Amino acid sequence: QLQASGGGLVQAGDSLRLSCAASGRTFSNYDMGWFRQAPGKEREFVAVISRSGGSRSGGSTDYADSVKGRFTVARDDAKNTVWLHMMSLKPEDTAVYHCAANFARYRIGPPAKSPDFYDYWGQGTLVTVSS
């Protein structure tokens, strides 16, 4: 079960940190992704942090081109939590943001960017960026 929080109404240029708390699974075995869906648009990939497998580094990360350099994803397996720190927000970042988990203990290749590969989803948290 995933619970996303931290959304809200901000102005362009502001920062916001989203949190996603997980329960019920071995969190460290899961790649954790962030996706967003704007009104009238399809769900799109935002960021992913790979399973840590017990590594203190917390896993590798990847980002959509539209958020590179502005968003940072991080995880703390001890807290079963993943964060998405968003800076320099733009109106086009307005969307419902979802966290998702993909069981990846036996994954071969890089973490998935397609939502089709993710097994568990949070309910989403709305981020609105005003101009």
N, C-alpha and C. Protein backbone atom coordinates (compact mmCIF):
# COMPACT_ATOMS: atom_id res chain seq x y z
N GLN A 1 0.85 -1.19 0.00
CA GLN A 1 0.00 0.00 0.00
C GLN A 1 0.88 1.24 0.00
N LEU A 2 0.52 2.20 -0.85
CA LEU A 2 1.30 3.41 -0.99
C LEU A 2 0.43 4.62 -0.67
N GLN A 3 1.00 5.57 0.02
CA GLN A 3 0.27 6.78 0.40
C GLN A 3 1.11 7.98 0.04
N ALA A 4 0.67 8.72 -0.98
CA ALA A 4 1.39 9.92 -1.40
C ALA A 4 0.81 11.14 -0.71
N SER A 5 1.68 12.11 -0.44
CA SER A 5 1.24 13.34 0.20
C SER A 5 2.20 14.46 -0.16
N GLY A 6 1.81 15.68 0.18
CA GLY A 6 2.69 16.82 0.01
C GLY A 6 2.32 17.77 -1.10
N GLY A 7 1.29 17.43 -1.86
CA GLY A 7 0.88 18.31 -2.94
C GLY A 7 0.25 19.59 -2.42
N GLY A 8 0.04 20.53 -3.32
CA GLY A 8 -0.57 21.79 -2.94
C GLY A 8 -0.52 22.80 -4.05
N LEU A 9 -0.91 24.01 -3.71
CA LEU A 9 -0.92 25.12 -4.66
C LEU A 9 0.31 25.99 -4.38
N VAL A 10 1.15 26.15 -5.40
CA VAL A 10 2.35 26.96 -5.28
C VAL A 10 2.46 27.88 -6.48
N GLN A 11 3.38 28.83 -6.37
CA GLN A 11 3.63 29.73 -7.49
C GLN A 11 4.80 29.23 -8.32
N ALA A 12 4.85 29.66 -9.55
CA ALA A 12 5.97 29.30 -10.43
C ALA A 12 7.28 29.72 -9.77
N GLY A 13 8.25 28.82 -9.82
CA GLY A 13 9.54 29.08 -9.20
C GLY A 13 9.67 28.52 -7.80
N ASP A 14 8.57 28.15 -7.19
CA ASP A 14 8.59 27.60 -5.84
C ASP A 14 9.07 26.16 -5.84
N SER A 15 9.27 25.65 -4.63
CA SER A 15 9.66 24.26 -4.44
C SER A 15 8.60 23.52 -3.64
N LEU A 16 8.59 22.22 -3.80
CA LEU A 16 7.62 21.39 -3.09
C LEU A 16 8.23 20.00 -2.94
N ARG A 17 7.95 19.34 -1.84
CA ARG A 17 8.45 17.98 -1.66
C ARG A 17 7.27 17.04 -1.46
N LEU A 18 7.20 16.06 -2.32
CA LEU A 18 6.19 15.02 -2.19
C LEU A 18 6.78 13.82 -1.45
N SER A 19 5.95 13.17 -0.67
CA SER A 19 6.35 11.97 0.05
C SER A 19 5.46 10.81 -0.33
N CYS A 20 6.02 9.63 -0.25
CA CYS A 20 5.26 8.41 -0.52
C CYS A 20 5.66 7.38 0.52
N ALA A 21 4.72 7.04 1.36
CA ALA A 21 4.96 6.06 2.41
C ALA A 21 4.43 4.70 1.98
N ALA A 22 5.24 3.68 2.15
CA ALA A 22 4.87 2.33 1.74
C ALA A 22 4.69 1.43 2.95
N SER A 23 3.83 0.45 2.81
CA SER A 23 3.63 -0.51 3.89
C SER A 23 3.33 -1.88 3.30
N GLY A 24 3.64 -2.90 4.09
CA GLY A 24 3.21 -4.24 3.74
C GLY A 24 4.16 -5.06 2.89
N ARG A 25 5.26 -4.50 2.40
CA ARG A 25 6.16 -5.25 1.53
C ARG A 25 7.60 -4.99 1.95
N THR A 26 8.52 -5.77 1.35
CA THR A 26 9.94 -5.50 1.54
C THR A 26 10.31 -4.36 0.62
N PHE A 27 10.28 -3.17 1.17
CA PHE A 27 10.40 -1.94 0.39
C PHE A 27 11.67 -1.91 -0.44
N SER A 28 12.76 -2.44 0.11
CA SER A 28 14.04 -2.34 -0.57
C SER A 28 14.11 -3.15 -1.85
N ASN A 29 13.15 -4.05 -2.07
CA ASN A 29 13.13 -4.86 -3.30
C ASN A 29 12.39 -4.19 -4.45
N TYR A 30 11.89 -3.00 -4.20
CA TYR A 30 11.04 -2.33 -5.19
C TYR A 30 11.71 -1.10 -5.79
N ASP A 31 11.64 -1.01 -7.12
CA ASP A 31 11.91 0.27 -7.77
C ASP A 31 10.71 1.16 -7.47
N MET A 32 10.99 2.41 -7.17
CA MET A 32 9.91 3.35 -6.85
C MET A 32 9.87 4.45 -7.90
N GLY A 33 8.73 4.57 -8.53
CA GLY A 33 8.57 5.55 -9.59
C GLY A 33 7.58 6.64 -9.21
N TRP A 34 7.78 7.78 -9.82
CA TRP A 34 6.83 8.89 -9.74
C TRP A 34 6.30 9.15 -11.15
N PHE A 35 5.00 9.26 -11.23
CA PHE A 35 4.33 9.56 -12.48
C PHE A 35 3.37 10.72 -12.23
N ARG A 36 2.97 11.38 -13.29
CA ARG A 36 2.01 12.45 -13.15
C ARG A 36 1.02 12.42 -14.30
N GLN A 37 -0.15 12.97 -14.00
CA GLN A 37 -1.19 13.02 -15.02
C GLN A 37 -1.88 14.37 -14.94
N ALA A 38 -1.73 15.13 -16.00
CA ALA A 38 -2.39 16.42 -16.10
C ALA A 38 -3.78 16.23 -16.70
N PRO A 39 -4.67 17.16 -16.46
CA PRO A 39 -6.03 17.04 -17.02
C PRO A 39 -6.01 16.87 -18.53
N GLY A 40 -6.70 15.85 -19.01
CA GLY A 40 -6.79 15.61 -20.44
C GLY A 40 -5.58 14.97 -21.07
N LYS A 41 -4.61 14.61 -20.23
CA LYS A 41 -3.38 14.01 -20.77
C LYS A 41 -3.17 12.62 -20.19
N GLU A 42 -2.31 11.85 -20.84
CA GLU A 42 -2.00 10.53 -20.35
C GLU A 42 -1.01 10.61 -19.19
N ARG A 43 -0.98 9.57 -18.41
CA ARG A 43 -0.03 9.49 -17.31
C ARG A 43 1.38 9.43 -17.88
N GLU A 44 2.29 10.20 -17.31
CA GLU A 44 3.65 10.21 -17.83
C GLU A 44 4.67 9.98 -16.73
N PHE A 45 5.78 9.44 -17.13
CA PHE A 45 6.89 9.17 -16.23
C PHE A 45 7.53 10.47 -15.79
N VAL A 46 7.88 10.54 -14.50
CA VAL A 46 8.58 11.70 -13.96
C VAL A 46 9.98 11.31 -13.48
N ALA A 47 10.03 10.31 -12.61
CA ALA A 47 11.32 9.93 -12.02
C ALA A 47 11.22 8.53 -11.46
N VAL A 48 12.38 7.91 -11.30
CA VAL A 48 12.43 6.58 -10.69
C VAL A 48 13.71 6.46 -9.89
N ILE A 49 13.62 5.74 -8.79
CA ILE A 49 14.81 5.36 -8.04
C ILE A 49 14.77 3.86 -7.89
N SER A 50 15.88 3.22 -8.23
CA SER A 50 15.89 1.77 -8.27
C SER A 50 15.92 1.18 -6.87
N ARG A 51 15.66 -0.11 -6.79
CA ARG A 51 15.74 -0.82 -5.54
C ARG A 51 17.14 -0.65 -4.97
N SER A 52 17.20 -0.56 -3.67
CA SER A 52 18.51 -0.32 -3.07
C SER A 52 19.22 -1.63 -2.77
N GLY A 53 18.46 -2.69 -2.50
CA GLY A 53 19.06 -3.97 -2.17
C GLY A 53 19.95 -3.90 -0.95
N GLY A 54 19.65 -2.98 -0.09
CA GLY A 54 20.45 -2.83 1.11
C GLY A 54 21.60 -1.86 0.97
N SER A 55 21.79 -1.32 -0.23
CA SER A 55 22.89 -0.37 -0.43
C SER A 55 22.56 0.95 0.25
N ARG A 56 23.53 1.53 0.88
CA ARG A 56 23.34 2.81 1.55
C ARG A 56 23.16 3.95 0.56
N SER A 57 23.61 3.74 -0.69
CA SER A 57 23.48 4.80 -1.69
C SER A 57 22.04 5.02 -2.10
N GLY A 58 21.19 4.03 -1.85
CA GLY A 58 19.77 4.25 -2.09
C GLY A 58 19.29 3.97 -3.48
N GLY A 59 20.13 3.47 -4.37
CA GLY A 59 19.68 3.12 -5.69
C GLY A 59 19.97 4.18 -6.72
N SER A 60 19.94 3.77 -7.98
CA SER A 60 20.19 4.71 -9.08
C SER A 60 18.91 5.46 -9.41
N THR A 61 19.06 6.60 -10.06
CA THR A 61 17.91 7.44 -10.38
C THR A 61 17.86 7.76 -11.87
N ASP A 62 16.68 8.08 -12.34
CA ASP A 62 16.49 8.52 -13.71
C ASP A 62 15.30 9.47 -13.74
N TYR A 63 15.32 10.39 -14.69
CA TYR A 63 14.31 11.44 -14.73
C TYR A 63 13.82 11.67 -16.16
N ALA A 64 12.62 12.15 -16.25
CA ALA A 64 12.13 12.64 -17.53
C ALA A 64 12.91 13.89 -17.90
N ASP A 65 13.11 14.08 -19.19
CA ASP A 65 13.88 15.25 -19.65
C ASP A 65 13.28 16.55 -19.14
N SER A 66 11.96 16.59 -19.03
CA SER A 66 11.28 17.83 -18.65
C SER A 66 11.54 18.24 -17.20
N VAL A 67 12.04 17.32 -16.38
CA VAL A 67 12.26 17.65 -14.97
C VAL A 67 13.72 17.53 -14.55
N LYS A 68 14.57 17.08 -15.45
CA LYS A 68 15.99 16.92 -15.10
C LYS A 68 16.57 18.25 -14.64
N GLY A 69 17.32 18.17 -13.55
CA GLY A 69 17.94 19.37 -13.00
C GLY A 69 17.03 20.14 -12.06
N ARG A 70 15.74 19.81 -12.03
CA ARG A 70 14.79 20.50 -11.16
C ARG A 70 14.22 19.58 -10.09
N PHE A 71 14.05 18.31 -10.43
CA PHE A 71 13.46 17.34 -9.51
C PHE A 71 14.53 16.36 -9.03
N THR A 72 14.39 15.92 -7.81
CA THR A 72 15.29 14.93 -7.24
C THR A 72 14.46 13.87 -6.51
N VAL A 73 14.75 12.62 -6.78
CA VAL A 73 14.06 11.52 -6.10
C VAL A 73 15.04 10.86 -5.14
N ALA A 74 14.53 10.50 -3.98
CA ALA A 74 15.36 9.87 -2.96
C ALA A 74 14.50 8.88 -2.18
N ARG A 75 15.17 7.97 -1.48
CA ARG A 75 14.43 6.98 -0.70
C ARG A 75 15.16 6.70 0.60
N ASP A 76 14.41 6.26 1.57
CA ASP A 76 14.95 5.80 2.84
C ASP A 76 14.25 4.49 3.16
N ASP A 77 14.96 3.38 2.97
CA ASP A 77 14.33 2.08 3.16
C ASP A 77 13.98 1.83 4.63
N ALA A 78 14.73 2.42 5.53
CA ALA A 78 14.44 2.24 6.95
C ALA A 78 13.09 2.87 7.32
N LYS A 79 12.70 3.89 6.55
CA LYS A 79 11.43 4.57 6.79
C LYS A 79 10.36 4.17 5.79
N ASN A 80 10.70 3.26 4.87
CA ASN A 80 9.75 2.85 3.82
C ASN A 80 9.15 4.06 3.11
N THR A 81 10.00 4.99 2.78
CA THR A 81 9.52 6.25 2.20
C THR A 81 10.38 6.65 1.01
N VAL A 82 9.72 7.21 0.03
CA VAL A 82 10.41 7.81 -1.12
C VAL A 82 9.89 9.24 -1.25
N TRP A 83 10.79 10.13 -1.65
CA TRP A 83 10.44 11.54 -1.81
C TRP A 83 10.69 12.00 -3.23
N LEU A 84 9.96 13.01 -3.62
CA LEU A 84 10.23 13.71 -4.86
C LEU A 84 10.34 15.19 -4.51
N HIS A 85 11.57 15.69 -4.57
CA HIS A 85 11.81 17.09 -4.26
C HIS A 85 11.77 17.87 -5.56
N MET A 86 10.86 18.81 -5.65
CA MET A 86 10.64 19.55 -6.89
C MET A 86 11.02 21.00 -6.68
N MET A 87 11.88 21.50 -7.54
CA MET A 87 12.32 22.89 -7.48
C MET A 87 11.97 23.61 -8.78
N SER A 88 12.01 24.91 -8.74
CA SER A 88 11.76 25.74 -9.93
C SER A 88 10.52 25.27 -10.67
N LEU A 89 9.46 25.10 -9.94
CA LEU A 89 8.23 24.58 -10.52
C LEU A 89 7.67 25.51 -11.58
N LYS A 90 7.08 24.89 -12.57
CA LYS A 90 6.50 25.61 -13.70
C LYS A 90 5.01 25.27 -13.79
N PRO A 91 4.22 26.13 -14.40
CA PRO A 91 2.80 25.82 -14.56
C PRO A 91 2.56 24.48 -15.26
N GLU A 92 3.45 24.11 -16.18
CA GLU A 92 3.28 22.83 -16.88
C GLU A 92 3.56 21.62 -16.00
N ASP A 93 4.04 21.85 -14.77
CA ASP A 93 4.20 20.76 -13.82
C ASP A 93 2.90 20.43 -13.10
N THR A 94 1.88 21.23 -13.33
CA THR A 94 0.59 20.99 -12.69
C THR A 94 0.03 19.64 -13.11
N ALA A 95 -0.27 18.81 -12.12
CA ALA A 95 -0.77 17.45 -12.39
C ALA A 95 -1.06 16.75 -11.06
N VAL A 96 -1.70 15.62 -11.18
CA VAL A 96 -1.79 14.71 -10.04
C VAL A 96 -0.57 13.80 -10.10
N TYR A 97 0.18 13.78 -9.02
CA TYR A 97 1.41 12.99 -8.95
C TYR A 97 1.14 11.70 -8.19
N HIS A 98 1.58 10.60 -8.80
CA HIS A 98 1.40 9.28 -8.22
C HIS A 98 2.75 8.63 -7.97
N CYS A 99 2.87 7.96 -6.83
CA CYS A 99 4.03 7.10 -6.64
C CYS A 99 3.61 5.67 -6.95
N ALA A 100 4.56 4.88 -7.37
CA ALA A 100 4.27 3.51 -7.77
C ALA A 100 5.47 2.62 -7.45
N ALA A 101 5.18 1.35 -7.24
CA ALA A 101 6.21 0.39 -6.87
C ALA A 101 6.24 -0.77 -7.86
N ASN A 102 7.45 -1.13 -8.25
CA ASN A 102 7.66 -2.24 -9.17
C ASN A 102 8.61 -3.22 -8.51
N PHE A 103 8.13 -4.45 -8.26
CA PHE A 103 8.97 -5.46 -7.65
C PHE A 103 10.15 -5.74 -8.57
N ALA A 104 11.37 -5.54 -8.08
CA ALA A 104 12.53 -5.56 -8.97
C ALA A 104 13.68 -6.40 -8.44
N ARG A 105 13.40 -7.30 -7.54
CA ARG A 105 14.51 -8.07 -6.96
C ARG A 105 15.25 -8.85 -8.04
N TYR A 106 14.54 -9.30 -9.07
CA TYR A 106 15.18 -10.11 -10.11
C TYR A 106 15.23 -9.36 -11.45
N ARG A 107 15.09 -8.05 -11.37
CA ARG A 107 15.07 -7.25 -12.58
C ARG A 107 16.40 -7.34 -13.31
N ILE A 108 16.30 -7.44 -14.63
CA ILE A 108 17.47 -7.35 -15.50
C ILE A 108 17.29 -6.11 -16.35
N GLY A 109 18.26 -5.25 -16.37
CA GLY A 109 18.15 -4.01 -17.13
C GLY A 109 17.78 -2.86 -16.22
N PRO A 110 17.62 -1.67 -16.78
CA PRO A 110 17.34 -0.48 -15.98
C PRO A 110 15.92 -0.47 -15.45
N PRO A 111 15.63 0.35 -14.47
CA PRO A 111 14.27 0.46 -13.94
C PRO A 111 13.30 0.90 -15.02
N ALA A 112 12.08 0.41 -14.94
CA ALA A 112 11.08 0.70 -15.95
C ALA A 112 10.59 2.14 -15.85
N LYS A 113 10.27 2.71 -17.00
CA LYS A 113 9.70 4.04 -17.06
C LYS A 113 8.23 3.98 -17.48
N SER A 114 7.80 2.85 -17.93
CA SER A 114 6.40 2.71 -18.34
C SER A 114 5.55 2.35 -17.14
N PRO A 115 4.42 3.03 -16.96
CA PRO A 115 3.54 2.70 -15.83
C PRO A 115 3.02 1.27 -15.90
N ASP A 116 3.06 0.65 -17.06
CA ASP A 116 2.53 -0.71 -17.21
C ASP A 116 3.29 -1.73 -16.37
N PHE A 117 4.53 -1.41 -16.01
CA PHE A 117 5.36 -2.36 -15.29
C PHE A 117 5.20 -2.24 -13.77
N TYR A 118 4.45 -1.27 -13.32
CA TYR A 118 4.36 -1.02 -11.89
C TYR A 118 3.16 -1.73 -11.29
N ASP A 119 3.42 -2.38 -10.16
CA ASP A 119 2.43 -3.27 -9.56
C ASP A 119 1.49 -2.56 -8.59
N TYR A 120 2.02 -1.57 -7.91
CA TYR A 120 1.26 -0.91 -6.85
C TYR A 120 1.31 0.59 -7.04
N TRP A 121 0.17 1.21 -6.75
CA TRP A 121 0.03 2.65 -6.96
C TRP A 121 -0.57 3.33 -5.73
N GLY A 122 -0.08 4.55 -5.48
CA GLY A 122 -0.71 5.39 -4.48
C GLY A 122 -1.88 6.12 -5.09
N GLN A 123 -2.62 6.83 -4.25
CA GLN A 123 -3.84 7.48 -4.71
C GLN A 123 -3.60 8.79 -5.44
N GLY A 124 -2.41 9.32 -5.35
CA GLY A 124 -2.09 10.57 -6.04
C GLY A 124 -2.24 11.78 -5.16
N THR A 125 -1.43 12.78 -5.44
CA THR A 125 -1.52 14.05 -4.74
C THR A 125 -1.42 15.17 -5.77
N LEU A 126 -2.29 16.15 -5.65
CA LEU A 126 -2.41 17.20 -6.66
C LEU A 126 -1.40 18.31 -6.42
N VAL A 127 -0.68 18.63 -7.47
CA VAL A 127 0.25 19.77 -7.47
C VAL A 127 -0.26 20.78 -8.48
N THR A 128 -0.50 21.99 -8.02
CA THR A 128 -0.96 23.06 -8.89
C THR A 128 0.04 24.20 -8.83
N VAL A 129 0.57 24.57 -9.99
CA VAL A 129 1.56 25.64 -10.05
C VAL A 129 0.95 26.81 -10.80
N SER A 130 0.81 27.92 -10.12
CA SER A 130 0.23 29.10 -10.74
C SER A 130 1.32 29.97 -11.34
N SER A 131 0.98 30.67 -12.40
CA SER A 131 1.97 31.52 -13.08
C SER A 131 2.00 32.92 -12.49
